[in-house]
Amino acid sequence: MLSQSARATAAEEARYRVDYPNATPRRIRIIALDRSAEGVVRRLARGAWNGASFMTAVRGEAAPDWLGSLAGDALNLLEQISAADAVVTVSTAGESAEDVAIIAEVCHSRRIMLTALVIDPDALPDAQLLRTVTPLRACASMLVVAKGEEYVEAMLTALRA
């Protein structure tokens, strides 16, 4: 008598197998909120991802508008978030995360989950950490303070980015 596993892998059972992926890739937008986080996001963008798009909300010469691609092209926030299944912001402990309110408002109006990842590699004092975490706590469905940037990659993998 064959076990269920042996029967399921038998040649005659192969005709019942589904020959395509069981889910479509998630369209996740990853947005860096500060310069240090932008470096992390740029490094992560070089990897192989499913449906992830990497962008920055850092203002400057490379991205003069509010939201930009990593190549420096201006992006429309409403279009980017409306086309997403989830949004992940990446910020660095001690930096300002006040701009997340704009992202959160669009996510909320579109019923899109916002996850906020804060990188705290140096275990900053609570007062400095709170500068970043407080605005995020008010907006994000999930808020994670990570001790290193490798956690950000692990989290994106878990979200099927």
N, C-alpha and C. Protein backbone atom coordinates (compact mmCIF):
# COMPACT_ATOMS: atom_id res chain seq x y z
N MET A 1 0.85 -1.18 0.00
CA MET A 1 0.00 0.00 0.00
C MET A 1 0.89 1.24 0.00
N LEU A 2 0.69 2.14 -0.95
CA LEU A 2 1.47 3.37 -1.05
C LEU A 2 0.94 4.42 -0.08
N SER A 3 1.86 5.22 0.45
CA SER A 3 1.45 6.33 1.32
C SER A 3 0.84 7.44 0.46
N GLN A 4 0.18 8.38 1.09
CA GLN A 4 -0.43 9.51 0.36
C GLN A 4 0.64 10.29 -0.41
N SER A 5 1.81 10.50 0.20
CA SER A 5 2.90 11.23 -0.47
C SER A 5 3.38 10.48 -1.70
N ALA A 6 3.54 9.17 -1.57
CA ALA A 6 4.00 8.38 -2.71
C ALA A 6 2.97 8.40 -3.83
N ARG A 7 1.71 8.30 -3.47
CA ARG A 7 0.65 8.34 -4.49
C ARG A 7 0.60 9.70 -5.18
N ALA A 8 0.77 10.77 -4.41
CA ALA A 8 0.69 12.13 -4.98
C ALA A 8 1.81 12.42 -5.95
N THR A 9 2.95 11.76 -5.77
CA THR A 9 4.08 12.00 -6.66
C THR A 9 4.17 10.98 -7.79
N ALA A 10 3.24 10.07 -7.85
CA ALA A 10 3.25 9.06 -8.91
C ALA A 10 2.94 9.70 -10.26
N ALA A 11 3.40 9.07 -11.31
CA ALA A 11 3.25 9.60 -12.67
C ALA A 11 1.79 9.78 -13.06
N GLU A 12 0.93 8.85 -12.67
CA GLU A 12 -0.48 8.97 -13.06
C GLU A 12 -1.19 10.13 -12.36
N GLU A 13 -0.65 10.56 -11.24
CA GLU A 13 -1.24 11.71 -10.53
C GLU A 13 -0.74 13.05 -11.07
N ALA A 14 0.34 13.02 -11.84
CA ALA A 14 0.93 14.25 -12.38
C ALA A 14 -0.05 15.03 -13.25
N ARG A 15 -0.97 14.35 -13.89
CA ARG A 15 -1.92 15.03 -14.76
C ARG A 15 -2.86 15.97 -13.99
N TYR A 16 -2.95 15.80 -12.67
CA TYR A 16 -3.81 16.65 -11.84
C TYR A 16 -3.08 17.87 -11.27
N ARG A 17 -1.79 17.94 -11.49
CA ARG A 17 -1.01 19.05 -10.95
C ARG A 17 -1.29 20.34 -11.71
N VAL A 18 -1.26 21.43 -10.97
CA VAL A 18 -1.40 22.76 -11.57
C VAL A 18 -0.03 23.18 -12.07
N ASP A 19 0.04 23.60 -13.32
CA ASP A 19 1.32 23.89 -13.96
C ASP A 19 1.69 25.38 -13.98
N TYR A 20 1.12 26.17 -13.11
CA TYR A 20 1.43 27.59 -13.07
C TYR A 20 1.50 28.04 -11.61
N PRO A 21 2.12 29.18 -11.35
CA PRO A 21 2.26 29.65 -9.97
C PRO A 21 0.90 29.80 -9.29
N ASN A 22 0.88 29.60 -7.98
CA ASN A 22 -0.38 29.65 -7.27
C ASN A 22 -0.81 31.06 -6.89
N ALA A 23 -0.01 32.05 -7.19
CA ALA A 23 -0.38 33.43 -6.89
C ALA A 23 0.38 34.37 -7.82
N THR A 24 -0.23 35.49 -8.08
CA THR A 24 0.47 36.50 -8.88
C THR A 24 1.41 37.27 -7.96
N PRO A 25 2.50 37.76 -8.48
CA PRO A 25 3.42 38.53 -7.64
C PRO A 25 2.73 39.77 -7.08
N ARG A 26 3.08 40.12 -5.87
CA ARG A 26 2.52 41.31 -5.25
C ARG A 26 3.25 42.54 -5.80
N ARG A 27 2.50 43.60 -6.00
CA ARG A 27 3.08 44.86 -6.47
C ARG A 27 3.34 45.72 -5.24
N ILE A 28 4.58 45.72 -4.81
CA ILE A 28 4.95 46.43 -3.59
C ILE A 28 5.82 47.62 -3.96
N ARG A 29 5.49 48.76 -3.36
CA ARG A 29 6.28 49.98 -3.55
C ARG A 29 7.12 50.16 -2.29
N ILE A 30 8.44 50.24 -2.47
CA ILE A 30 9.37 50.46 -1.36
C ILE A 30 9.89 51.87 -1.49
N ILE A 31 9.67 52.68 -0.45
CA ILE A 31 10.00 54.11 -0.51
C ILE A 31 10.98 54.46 0.60
N ALA A 32 12.14 54.99 0.22
CA ALA A 32 13.13 55.48 1.20
C ALA A 32 12.71 56.87 1.65
N LEU A 33 12.74 57.10 2.97
CA LEU A 33 12.32 58.39 3.50
C LEU A 33 13.47 59.32 3.87
N ASP A 34 14.71 58.83 3.88
CA ASP A 34 15.86 59.68 4.20
C ASP A 34 17.09 59.19 3.44
N ARG A 35 18.16 59.96 3.50
CA ARG A 35 19.38 59.65 2.70
C ARG A 35 19.97 58.28 3.05
N SER A 36 20.11 57.97 4.33
CA SER A 36 20.68 56.67 4.72
C SER A 36 19.81 55.53 4.24
N ALA A 37 18.50 55.68 4.40
CA ALA A 37 17.57 54.65 3.94
C ALA A 37 17.61 54.53 2.42
N GLU A 38 17.85 55.63 1.74
CA GLU A 38 17.95 55.59 0.28
C GLU A 38 19.11 54.70 -0.15
N GLY A 39 20.22 54.77 0.57
CA GLY A 39 21.36 53.89 0.26
C GLY A 39 21.00 52.43 0.41
N VAL A 40 20.27 52.11 1.46
CA VAL A 40 19.82 50.73 1.68
C VAL A 40 18.88 50.30 0.56
N VAL A 41 17.93 51.15 0.22
CA VAL A 41 16.96 50.83 -0.83
C VAL A 41 17.67 50.65 -2.17
N ARG A 42 18.67 51.47 -2.46
CA ARG A 42 19.42 51.32 -3.71
C ARG A 42 20.14 49.97 -3.77
N ARG A 43 20.75 49.58 -2.65
CA ARG A 43 21.43 48.28 -2.61
C ARG A 43 20.43 47.14 -2.81
N LEU A 44 19.28 47.23 -2.14
CA LEU A 44 18.27 46.19 -2.27
C LEU A 44 17.70 46.12 -3.69
N ALA A 45 17.58 47.25 -4.34
CA ALA A 45 16.99 47.30 -5.69
C ALA A 45 17.82 46.52 -6.69
N ARG A 46 19.09 46.30 -6.40
CA ARG A 46 19.95 45.54 -7.32
C ARG A 46 19.62 44.05 -7.31
N GLY A 47 18.89 43.60 -6.30
CA GLY A 47 18.56 42.18 -6.18
C GLY A 47 17.43 41.77 -7.11
N ALA A 48 17.12 40.49 -7.08
CA ALA A 48 16.03 39.94 -7.89
C ALA A 48 14.75 39.96 -7.05
N TRP A 49 13.76 40.71 -7.52
CA TRP A 49 12.49 40.83 -6.82
C TRP A 49 11.36 40.49 -7.76
N ASN A 50 10.22 40.17 -7.20
CA ASN A 50 9.06 39.79 -8.01
C ASN A 50 8.38 41.00 -8.62
N GLY A 51 7.58 41.71 -7.84
CA GLY A 51 6.85 42.85 -8.37
C GLY A 51 7.14 44.12 -7.60
N ALA A 52 8.33 44.23 -7.03
CA ALA A 52 8.68 45.39 -6.22
C ALA A 52 9.21 46.54 -7.07
N SER A 53 8.85 47.76 -6.66
CA SER A 53 9.38 48.98 -7.28
C SER A 53 10.02 49.79 -6.16
N PHE A 54 11.22 50.25 -6.41
CA PHE A 54 11.97 50.99 -5.41
C PHE A 54 12.01 52.46 -5.78
N MET A 55 11.75 53.32 -4.81
CA MET A 55 11.73 54.76 -5.06
C MET A 55 12.17 55.52 -3.82
N THR A 56 12.26 56.83 -3.96
CA THR A 56 12.72 57.66 -2.86
C THR A 56 11.83 58.89 -2.69
N ALA A 57 11.69 59.29 -1.44
CA ALA A 57 10.96 60.52 -1.12
C ALA A 57 11.93 61.59 -0.65
N VAL A 58 13.23 61.35 -0.89
CA VAL A 58 14.27 62.30 -0.49
C VAL A 58 14.34 63.39 -1.54
N ARG A 59 14.23 64.63 -1.09
CA ARG A 59 14.32 65.76 -2.03
C ARG A 59 15.79 66.11 -2.25
N GLY A 60 16.09 66.55 -3.43
CA GLY A 60 17.45 66.95 -3.74
C GLY A 60 17.62 67.14 -5.23
N GLU A 61 18.86 67.29 -5.65
CA GLU A 61 19.13 67.52 -7.06
C GLU A 61 18.74 66.32 -7.92
N ALA A 62 19.00 65.10 -7.42
CA ALA A 62 18.68 63.91 -8.20
C ALA A 62 17.17 63.69 -8.29
N ALA A 63 16.44 64.05 -7.26
CA ALA A 63 14.98 63.89 -7.26
C ALA A 63 14.35 65.19 -6.78
N PRO A 64 14.20 66.17 -7.69
CA PRO A 64 13.72 67.49 -7.27
C PRO A 64 12.26 67.48 -6.82
N ASP A 65 11.46 66.56 -7.31
CA ASP A 65 10.07 66.47 -6.89
C ASP A 65 9.97 65.63 -5.63
N TRP A 66 8.76 65.50 -5.14
CA TRP A 66 8.60 64.84 -3.86
C TRP A 66 8.87 63.35 -3.91
N LEU A 67 8.43 62.67 -4.94
CA LEU A 67 8.66 61.23 -5.07
C LEU A 67 9.39 60.99 -6.37
N GLY A 68 10.43 60.18 -6.30
CA GLY A 68 11.21 59.92 -7.50
C GLY A 68 11.69 58.49 -7.59
N SER A 69 11.99 58.08 -8.81
CA SER A 69 12.59 56.77 -9.01
C SER A 69 14.04 56.85 -8.55
N LEU A 70 14.69 55.72 -8.43
CA LEU A 70 16.09 55.73 -8.03
C LEU A 70 16.98 56.31 -9.12
N ALA A 71 16.46 56.40 -10.35
CA ALA A 71 17.19 57.02 -11.45
C ALA A 71 17.03 58.54 -11.45
N GLY A 72 16.15 59.06 -10.58
CA GLY A 72 15.96 60.50 -10.49
C GLY A 72 14.74 61.03 -11.22
N ASP A 73 13.96 60.16 -11.83
CA ASP A 73 12.75 60.60 -12.53
C ASP A 73 11.63 60.89 -11.53
N ALA A 74 10.89 61.95 -11.81
CA ALA A 74 9.74 62.30 -10.96
C ALA A 74 8.64 61.26 -11.13
N LEU A 75 8.00 60.90 -10.02
CA LEU A 75 6.91 59.94 -10.04
C LEU A 75 5.67 60.55 -9.42
N ASN A 76 4.52 60.13 -9.88
CA ASN A 76 3.27 60.59 -9.33
C ASN A 76 2.89 59.68 -8.16
N LEU A 77 2.79 60.24 -6.98
CA LEU A 77 2.50 59.47 -5.77
C LEU A 77 1.18 58.72 -5.87
N LEU A 78 0.14 59.40 -6.34
CA LEU A 78 -1.18 58.75 -6.45
C LEU A 78 -1.14 57.56 -7.40
N GLU A 79 -0.49 57.72 -8.54
CA GLU A 79 -0.40 56.63 -9.51
C GLU A 79 0.38 55.45 -8.94
N GLN A 80 1.51 55.75 -8.29
CA GLN A 80 2.35 54.68 -7.75
C GLN A 80 1.64 53.88 -6.68
N ILE A 81 0.99 54.56 -5.77
CA ILE A 81 0.32 53.85 -4.68
C ILE A 81 -0.95 53.17 -5.16
N SER A 82 -1.69 53.79 -6.07
CA SER A 82 -2.90 53.17 -6.60
C SER A 82 -2.61 51.86 -7.31
N ALA A 83 -1.43 51.74 -7.89
CA ALA A 83 -1.04 50.52 -8.61
C ALA A 83 -0.40 49.49 -7.70
N ALA A 84 -0.35 49.75 -6.39
CA ALA A 84 0.33 48.86 -5.45
C ALA A 84 -0.64 47.98 -4.67
N ASP A 85 -0.11 46.84 -4.24
CA ASP A 85 -0.83 45.98 -3.30
C ASP A 85 -0.44 46.32 -1.87
N ALA A 86 0.78 46.82 -1.69
CA ALA A 86 1.29 47.20 -0.38
C ALA A 86 2.39 48.24 -0.56
N VAL A 87 2.58 49.05 0.46
CA VAL A 87 3.64 50.07 0.45
C VAL A 87 4.51 49.84 1.69
N VAL A 88 5.82 49.90 1.48
CA VAL A 88 6.77 49.76 2.57
C VAL A 88 7.66 50.99 2.58
N THR A 89 7.72 51.67 3.71
CA THR A 89 8.67 52.79 3.83
C THR A 89 9.88 52.30 4.62
N VAL A 90 11.03 52.83 4.26
CA VAL A 90 12.27 52.49 4.95
C VAL A 90 12.87 53.80 5.43
N SER A 91 13.17 53.86 6.72
CA SER A 91 13.78 55.06 7.28
C SER A 91 14.86 54.67 8.27
N THR A 92 15.65 55.65 8.67
CA THR A 92 16.76 55.43 9.58
C THR A 92 16.44 56.09 10.92
N ALA A 93 16.70 55.39 11.99
CA ALA A 93 16.45 55.92 13.33
C ALA A 93 17.18 57.24 13.51
N GLY A 94 16.49 58.21 14.08
CA GLY A 94 17.07 59.52 14.33
C GLY A 94 16.75 60.53 13.25
N GLU A 95 16.32 60.05 12.08
CA GLU A 95 15.97 60.93 10.97
C GLU A 95 14.48 61.27 11.04
N SER A 96 14.11 62.36 10.40
CA SER A 96 12.71 62.77 10.36
C SER A 96 11.92 61.85 9.43
N ALA A 97 10.72 61.48 9.87
CA ALA A 97 9.84 60.66 9.04
C ALA A 97 8.49 61.36 8.88
N GLU A 98 8.48 62.67 8.99
CA GLU A 98 7.24 63.44 8.91
C GLU A 98 6.53 63.28 7.56
N ASP A 99 7.29 63.08 6.49
CA ASP A 99 6.69 62.95 5.15
C ASP A 99 5.81 61.71 5.00
N VAL A 100 5.91 60.78 5.92
CA VAL A 100 5.12 59.56 5.82
C VAL A 100 3.62 59.86 5.90
N ALA A 101 3.24 60.97 6.49
CA ALA A 101 1.81 61.30 6.61
C ALA A 101 1.14 61.42 5.25
N ILE A 102 1.86 61.97 4.28
CA ILE A 102 1.31 62.11 2.92
C ILE A 102 1.12 60.73 2.29
N ILE A 103 2.12 59.89 2.42
CA ILE A 103 2.05 58.53 1.88
C ILE A 103 0.91 57.77 2.56
N ALA A 104 0.82 57.89 3.88
CA ALA A 104 -0.20 57.19 4.65
C ALA A 104 -1.61 57.62 4.26
N GLU A 105 -1.79 58.90 3.99
CA GLU A 105 -3.10 59.40 3.61
C GLU A 105 -3.56 58.77 2.30
N VAL A 106 -2.66 58.68 1.34
CA VAL A 106 -2.99 58.07 0.05
C VAL A 106 -3.25 56.57 0.25
N CYS A 107 -2.41 55.91 1.03
CA CYS A 107 -2.61 54.47 1.30
C CYS A 107 -3.96 54.23 1.95
N HIS A 108 -4.28 55.05 2.93
CA HIS A 108 -5.55 54.89 3.64
C HIS A 108 -6.74 55.08 2.70
N SER A 109 -6.68 56.09 1.86
CA SER A 109 -7.79 56.36 0.94
C SER A 109 -7.96 55.24 -0.09
N ARG A 110 -6.88 54.52 -0.39
CA ARG A 110 -6.93 53.43 -1.37
C ARG A 110 -7.03 52.05 -0.69
N ARG A 111 -7.05 52.04 0.64
CA ARG A 111 -7.10 50.80 1.43
C ARG A 111 -5.92 49.89 1.13
N ILE A 112 -4.75 50.49 1.13
CA ILE A 112 -3.51 49.76 0.86
C ILE A 112 -2.69 49.75 2.14
N MET A 113 -2.21 48.57 2.51
CA MET A 113 -1.45 48.43 3.75
C MET A 113 -0.11 49.16 3.66
N LEU A 114 0.19 49.90 4.72
CA LEU A 114 1.47 50.61 4.84
C LEU A 114 2.29 49.96 5.95
N THR A 115 3.47 49.50 5.59
CA THR A 115 4.41 48.93 6.54
C THR A 115 5.59 49.88 6.64
N ALA A 116 6.01 50.19 7.86
CA ALA A 116 7.14 51.09 8.08
C ALA A 116 8.28 50.31 8.72
N LEU A 117 9.44 50.35 8.08
CA LEU A 117 10.63 49.71 8.61
C LEU A 117 11.63 50.79 9.00
N VAL A 118 12.10 50.73 10.24
CA VAL A 118 13.07 51.69 10.76
C VAL A 118 14.35 50.94 11.06
N ILE A 119 15.45 51.39 10.47
CA ILE A 119 16.74 50.76 10.72
C ILE A 119 17.42 51.51 11.85
N ASP A 120 17.75 50.79 12.92
CA ASP A 120 18.40 51.36 14.10
C ASP A 120 19.67 50.56 14.40
N PRO A 121 20.70 50.68 13.56
CA PRO A 121 21.89 49.84 13.75
C PRO A 121 22.70 50.19 14.99
N ASP A 122 22.61 51.43 15.44
CA ASP A 122 23.44 51.86 16.57
C ASP A 122 22.69 51.87 17.89
N ALA A 123 21.46 51.39 17.91
CA ALA A 123 20.63 51.40 19.12
C ALA A 123 20.67 52.79 19.75
N LEU A 124 20.11 53.75 19.02
CA LEU A 124 20.09 55.14 19.46
C LEU A 124 19.31 55.30 20.76
N PRO A 125 19.57 56.38 21.49
CA PRO A 125 18.77 56.66 22.68
C PRO A 125 17.30 56.83 22.29
N ASP A 126 16.42 56.54 23.23
CA ASP A 126 14.99 56.57 22.97
C ASP A 126 14.51 57.88 22.36
N ALA A 127 15.03 59.00 22.83
CA ALA A 127 14.56 60.30 22.32
C ALA A 127 14.82 60.43 20.82
N GLN A 128 15.97 59.98 20.36
CA GLN A 128 16.27 60.06 18.93
C GLN A 128 15.45 59.06 18.13
N LEU A 129 15.28 57.87 18.68
CA LEU A 129 14.47 56.86 18.01
C LEU A 129 13.02 57.33 17.89
N LEU A 130 12.50 57.96 18.93
CA LEU A 130 11.12 58.44 18.92
C LEU A 130 10.89 59.51 17.86
N ARG A 131 11.92 60.27 17.52
CA ARG A 131 11.80 61.29 16.47
C ARG A 131 11.35 60.64 15.16
N THR A 132 11.83 59.45 14.91
CA THR A 132 11.48 58.74 13.68
C THR A 132 10.21 57.91 13.86
N VAL A 133 10.10 57.23 14.98
CA VAL A 133 9.03 56.27 15.18
C VAL A 133 7.67 56.92 15.41
N THR A 134 7.61 58.06 16.09
CA THR A 134 6.33 58.67 16.44
C THR A 134 5.44 58.96 15.22
N PRO A 135 5.93 59.64 14.18
CA PRO A 135 5.04 59.85 13.02
C PRO A 135 4.67 58.54 12.32
N LEU A 136 5.57 57.57 12.33
CA LEU A 136 5.29 56.29 11.69
C LEU A 136 4.24 55.50 12.45
N ARG A 137 4.31 55.55 13.77
CA ARG A 137 3.37 54.81 14.61
C ARG A 137 1.94 55.25 14.34
N ALA A 138 1.75 56.53 14.08
CA ALA A 138 0.40 57.06 13.85
C ALA A 138 -0.18 56.62 12.51
N CYS A 139 0.68 56.21 11.57
CA CYS A 139 0.23 55.96 10.20
C CYS A 139 0.31 54.51 9.73
N ALA A 140 1.28 53.78 10.19
CA ALA A 140 1.56 52.46 9.62
C ALA A 140 0.72 51.35 10.23
N SER A 141 0.31 50.42 9.39
CA SER A 141 -0.38 49.22 9.88
C SER A 141 0.58 48.33 10.64
N MET A 142 1.83 48.31 10.17
CA MET A 142 2.86 47.53 10.83
C MET A 142 4.12 48.39 10.93
N LEU A 143 4.69 48.45 12.11
CA LEU A 143 5.91 49.23 12.36
C LEU A 143 6.95 48.30 12.94
N VAL A 144 8.12 48.25 12.30
CA VAL A 144 9.19 47.37 12.75
C VAL A 144 10.46 48.19 12.90
N VAL A 145 11.10 48.07 14.07
CA VAL A 145 12.41 48.67 14.29
C VAL A 145 13.42 47.54 14.20
N ALA A 146 14.31 47.64 13.22
CA ALA A 146 15.29 46.59 12.95
C ALA A 146 16.68 47.05 13.35
N LYS A 147 17.49 46.12 13.82
CA LYS A 147 18.85 46.44 14.24
C LYS A 147 19.83 46.53 13.07
N GLY A 148 19.44 46.09 11.91
CA GLY A 148 20.34 46.15 10.76
C GLY A 148 19.57 46.11 9.47
N GLU A 149 20.25 46.49 8.39
CA GLU A 149 19.57 46.56 7.10
C GLU A 149 19.27 45.18 6.52
N GLU A 150 19.94 44.13 6.99
CA GLU A 150 19.64 42.79 6.48
C GLU A 150 18.21 42.37 6.85
N TYR A 151 17.67 42.94 7.91
CA TYR A 151 16.28 42.63 8.29
C TYR A 151 15.31 43.19 7.26
N VAL A 152 15.66 44.32 6.67
CA VAL A 152 14.79 44.93 5.66
C VAL A 152 14.64 43.97 4.48
N GLU A 153 15.74 43.40 4.05
CA GLU A 153 15.69 42.44 2.95
C GLU A 153 14.86 41.22 3.33
N ALA A 154 15.03 40.72 4.54
CA ALA A 154 14.26 39.57 5.00
C ALA A 154 12.77 39.89 5.05
N MET A 155 12.45 41.09 5.49
CA MET A 155 11.04 41.49 5.57
C MET A 155 10.42 41.61 4.19
N LEU A 156 11.14 42.19 3.24
CA LEU A 156 10.63 42.30 1.87
C LEU A 156 10.43 40.92 1.24
N THR A 157 11.33 40.01 1.54
CA THR A 157 11.18 38.64 1.06
C THR A 157 9.94 37.99 1.66
N ALA A 158 9.72 38.20 2.94
CA ALA A 158 8.53 37.66 3.60
C ALA A 158 7.24 38.24 3.03
N LEU A 159 7.29 39.48 2.60
CA LEU A 159 6.11 40.12 1.99
C LEU A 159 5.93 39.73 0.52
N ARG A 160 6.81 38.89 0.01
CA ARG A 160 6.83 38.44 -1.39
C ARG A 160 7.04 39.59 -2.36
N ALA A 161 7.90 40.51 -1.99
CA ALA A 161 8.23 41.63 -2.88
C ALA A 161 9.04 41.08 -4.01
